[in-house]
Amino acid sequence: MSPTSNRDPLTTISAIPEGGGTVFRTHGVVITQPTAGVFLAFSATCTHQGCTVRAVAGGTINCFCHGSRFRIADGSVAGGPATQPLPRVPILVSDGLISLG
């Protein structure tokens, strides 16, 4: 599943935990807040074999298919078998809302 572009709000900033993130499977994205007030989005498609990542915990975005983990701050690989980072996805943060850009 590839990320879609949609200016309608996807979520609120208060719904994204600091030091964590949330997977939006239907939109194909993961939104993270690695530090207070910094919001980032990445593709939810694991770069190993294309599974959709399923959870964010312990500072990583986690794929349960084969155990790959990606850092919430930059999408880089924290643990394989994936060797490529998760691609960034543009977002807009305005008035307490997060939309895909």
C-alpha atoms as a PDB file:
ATOM      1  CA  MET A   1       0.000   0.000   0.000  1.00  0.00           C
ATOM      2  CA  SER A   2       1.427   3.378  -0.928  1.00  0.00           C
ATOM      3  CA  PRO A   3       0.811   6.612   0.940  1.00  0.00           C
ATOM      4  CA  THR A   4      -2.021   8.733  -0.355  1.00  0.00           C
ATOM      5  CA  SER A   5      -2.112  12.504  -0.562  1.00  0.00           C
ATOM      6  CA  ASN A   6      -5.046  14.068   1.218  1.00  0.00           C
ATOM      7  CA  ARG A   7      -5.378  17.523   2.778  1.00  0.00           C
ATOM      8  CA  ASP A   8      -8.135  16.397   5.158  1.00  0.00           C
ATOM      9  CA  PRO A   9      -6.768  16.037   8.691  1.00  0.00           C
ATOM     10  CA  LEU A  10      -5.507  12.556   9.433  1.00  0.00           C
ATOM     11  CA  THR A  11      -5.157  13.026  13.190  1.00  0.00           C
ATOM     12  CA  THR A  12      -4.479  15.527  15.932  1.00  0.00           C
ATOM     13  CA  ILE A  13      -1.040  16.250  17.351  1.00  0.00           C
ATOM     14  CA  SER A  14      -2.275  15.173  20.783  1.00  0.00           C
ATOM     15  CA  ALA A  15      -2.991  11.670  19.412  1.00  0.00           C
ATOM     16  CA  ILE A  16       0.683  11.055  18.584  1.00  0.00           C
ATOM     17  CA  PRO A  17       2.625  10.105  21.716  1.00  0.00           C
ATOM     18  CA  GLU A  18       5.910  11.864  22.418  1.00  0.00           C
ATOM     19  CA  GLY A  19       8.748   9.390  21.897  1.00  0.00           C
ATOM     20  CA  GLY A  20       6.428   7.143  19.896  1.00  0.00           C
ATOM     21  CA  GLY A  21       4.058   7.146  16.987  1.00  0.00           C
ATOM     22  CA  THR A  22       0.966   5.726  15.367  1.00  0.00           C
ATOM     23  CA  VAL A  23       0.509   3.533  12.284  1.00  0.00           C
ATOM     24  CA  PHE A  24      -2.294   4.603   9.936  1.00  0.00           C
ATOM     25  CA  ARG A  25      -2.672   1.419   7.902  1.00  0.00           C
ATOM     26  CA  THR A  26      -5.471   2.681   5.651  1.00  0.00           C
ATOM     27  CA  HIS A  27      -3.329   5.666   4.641  1.00  0.00           C
ATOM     28  CA  GLY A  28      -0.069   3.707   4.413  1.00  0.00           C
ATOM     29  CA  VAL A  29       1.826   5.984   6.805  1.00  0.00           C
ATOM     30  CA  VAL A  30       3.369   6.077  10.263  1.00  0.00           C
ATOM     31  CA  ILE A  31       3.428   9.400  12.086  1.00  0.00           C
ATOM     32  CA  THR A  32       5.993   9.784  14.845  1.00  0.00           C
ATOM     33  CA  GLN A  33       6.879  12.382  17.464  1.00  0.00           C
ATOM     34  CA  PRO A  34      10.506  11.605  18.334  1.00  0.00           C
ATOM     35  CA  THR A  35      10.818  14.728  20.518  1.00  0.00           C
ATOM     36  CA  ALA A  36       8.218  17.148  21.826  1.00  0.00           C
ATOM     37  CA  GLY A  37       6.583  19.066  18.987  1.00  0.00           C
ATOM     38  CA  VAL A  38       8.504  17.344  16.166  1.00  0.00           C
ATOM     39  CA  PHE A  39       6.208  15.323  13.894  1.00  0.00           C
ATOM     40  CA  LEU A  40       7.480  13.128  11.080  1.00  0.00           C
ATOM     41  CA  ALA A  41       5.826  10.699   8.700  1.00  0.00           C
ATOM     42  CA  PHE A  42       7.190   7.614   6.981  1.00  0.00           C
ATOM     43  CA  SER A  43       5.840   5.008   4.609  1.00  0.00           C
ATOM     44  CA  ALA A  44       4.232   2.141   6.530  1.00  0.00           C
ATOM     45  CA  THR A  45       5.556  -0.339   3.965  1.00  0.00           C
ATOM     46  CA  CYS A  46       8.546  -2.268   5.281  1.00  0.00           C
ATOM     47  CA  THR A  47      11.494  -2.041   2.907  1.00  0.00           C
ATOM     48  CA  HIS A  48      12.374  -5.704   3.442  1.00  0.00           C
ATOM     49  CA  GLN A  49       9.478  -7.486   1.699  1.00  0.00           C
ATOM     50  CA  GLY A  50       6.638  -4.989   1.590  1.00  0.00           C
ATOM     51  CA  CYS A  51       4.663  -5.921   4.698  1.00  0.00           C
ATOM     52  CA  THR A  52       2.834  -3.112   6.474  1.00  0.00           C
ATOM     53  CA  VAL A  53       4.526  -2.184   9.742  1.00  0.00           C
ATOM     54  CA  ARG A  54       2.237  -2.783  12.691  1.00  0.00           C
ATOM     55  CA  ALA A  55       3.418  -0.978  15.809  1.00  0.00           C
ATOM     56  CA  VAL A  56       5.573   1.756  17.273  1.00  0.00           C
ATOM     57  CA  ALA A  57       7.286   0.910  20.569  1.00  0.00           C
ATOM     58  CA  GLY A  58      10.590   1.488  22.299  1.00  0.00           C
ATOM     59  CA  GLY A  59      11.630   4.219  19.869  1.00  0.00           C
ATOM     60  CA  THR A  60      11.189   2.067  16.784  1.00  0.00           C
ATOM     61  CA  ILE A  61       8.628   1.371  14.072  1.00  0.00           C
ATOM     62  CA  ASN A  62       8.219  -2.389  14.039  1.00  0.00           C
ATOM     63  CA  CYS A  63       7.367  -4.858  11.295  1.00  0.00           C
ATOM     64  CA  PHE A  64       6.115  -8.166  12.615  1.00  0.00           C
ATOM     65  CA  CYS A  65       6.549 -10.076   9.342  1.00  0.00           C
ATOM     66  CA  HIS A  66      10.293 -10.624   9.728  1.00  0.00           C
ATOM     67  CA  GLY A  67      11.273  -8.462  12.699  1.00  0.00           C
ATOM     68  CA  SER A  68      12.653  -5.336  11.016  1.00  0.00           C
ATOM     69  CA  ARG A  69      12.769  -2.190  13.157  1.00  0.00           C
ATOM     70  CA  PHE A  70      13.153   1.446  12.079  1.00  0.00           C
ATOM     71  CA  ARG A  71      14.067   4.504  14.190  1.00  0.00           C
ATOM     72  CA  ILE A  72      11.211   6.954  14.815  1.00  0.00           C
ATOM     73  CA  ALA A  73      13.522   9.967  14.396  1.00  0.00           C
ATOM     74  CA  ASP A  74      14.618   9.295  10.824  1.00  0.00           C
ATOM     75  CA  GLY A  75      13.220   5.964   9.558  1.00  0.00           C
ATOM     76  CA  SER A  76      16.696   4.401   9.477  1.00  0.00           C
ATOM     77  CA  VAL A  77      17.117   0.689  10.087  1.00  0.00           C
ATOM     78  CA  ALA A  78      17.547  -0.184  13.772  1.00  0.00           C
ATOM     79  CA  GLY A  79      17.391  -3.939  13.171  1.00  0.00           C
ATOM     80  CA  GLY A  80      17.112  -6.122  10.068  1.00  0.00           C
ATOM     81  CA  PRO A  81      16.538  -8.000   7.938  1.00  0.00           C
ATOM     82  CA  ALA A  82      15.581  -4.697   6.204  1.00  0.00           C
ATOM     83  CA  THR A  83      18.619  -2.837   4.857  1.00  0.00           C
ATOM     84  CA  GLN A  84      16.915   0.321   3.554  1.00  0.00           C
ATOM     85  CA  PRO A  85      15.218   3.042   5.666  1.00  0.00           C
ATOM     86  CA  LEU A  86      11.517   3.802   5.527  1.00  0.00           C
ATOM     87  CA  PRO A  87      10.909   6.637   3.039  1.00  0.00           C
ATOM     88  CA  ARG A  88       9.719   9.973   4.447  1.00  0.00           C
ATOM     89  CA  VAL A  89       6.211  11.133   3.623  1.00  0.00           C
ATOM     90  CA  PRO A  90       5.370  14.863   3.586  1.00  0.00           C
ATOM     91  CA  ILE A  91       2.879  16.080   6.179  1.00  0.00           C
ATOM     92  CA  LEU A  92       1.361  19.406   7.169  1.00  0.00           C
ATOM     93  CA  VAL A  93       0.992  20.325  10.836  1.00  0.00           C
ATOM     94  CA  SER A  94      -1.348  23.241  11.470  1.00  0.00           C
ATOM     95  CA  ASP A  95      -3.757  24.291  14.226  1.00  0.00           C
ATOM     96  CA  GLY A  96      -3.141  21.088  16.155  1.00  0.00           C
ATOM     97  CA  LEU A  97      -3.962  18.880  13.158  1.00  0.00           C
ATOM     98  CA  ILE A  98      -1.778  16.635  10.980  1.00  0.00           C
ATOM     99  CA  SER A  99      -2.611  16.143   7.305  1.00  0.00           C
ATOM    100  CA  LEU A 100      -0.756  14.312   4.559  1.00  0.00           C
ATOM    101  CA  GLY A 101       1.076  16.773   2.362  1.00  0.00           C
END
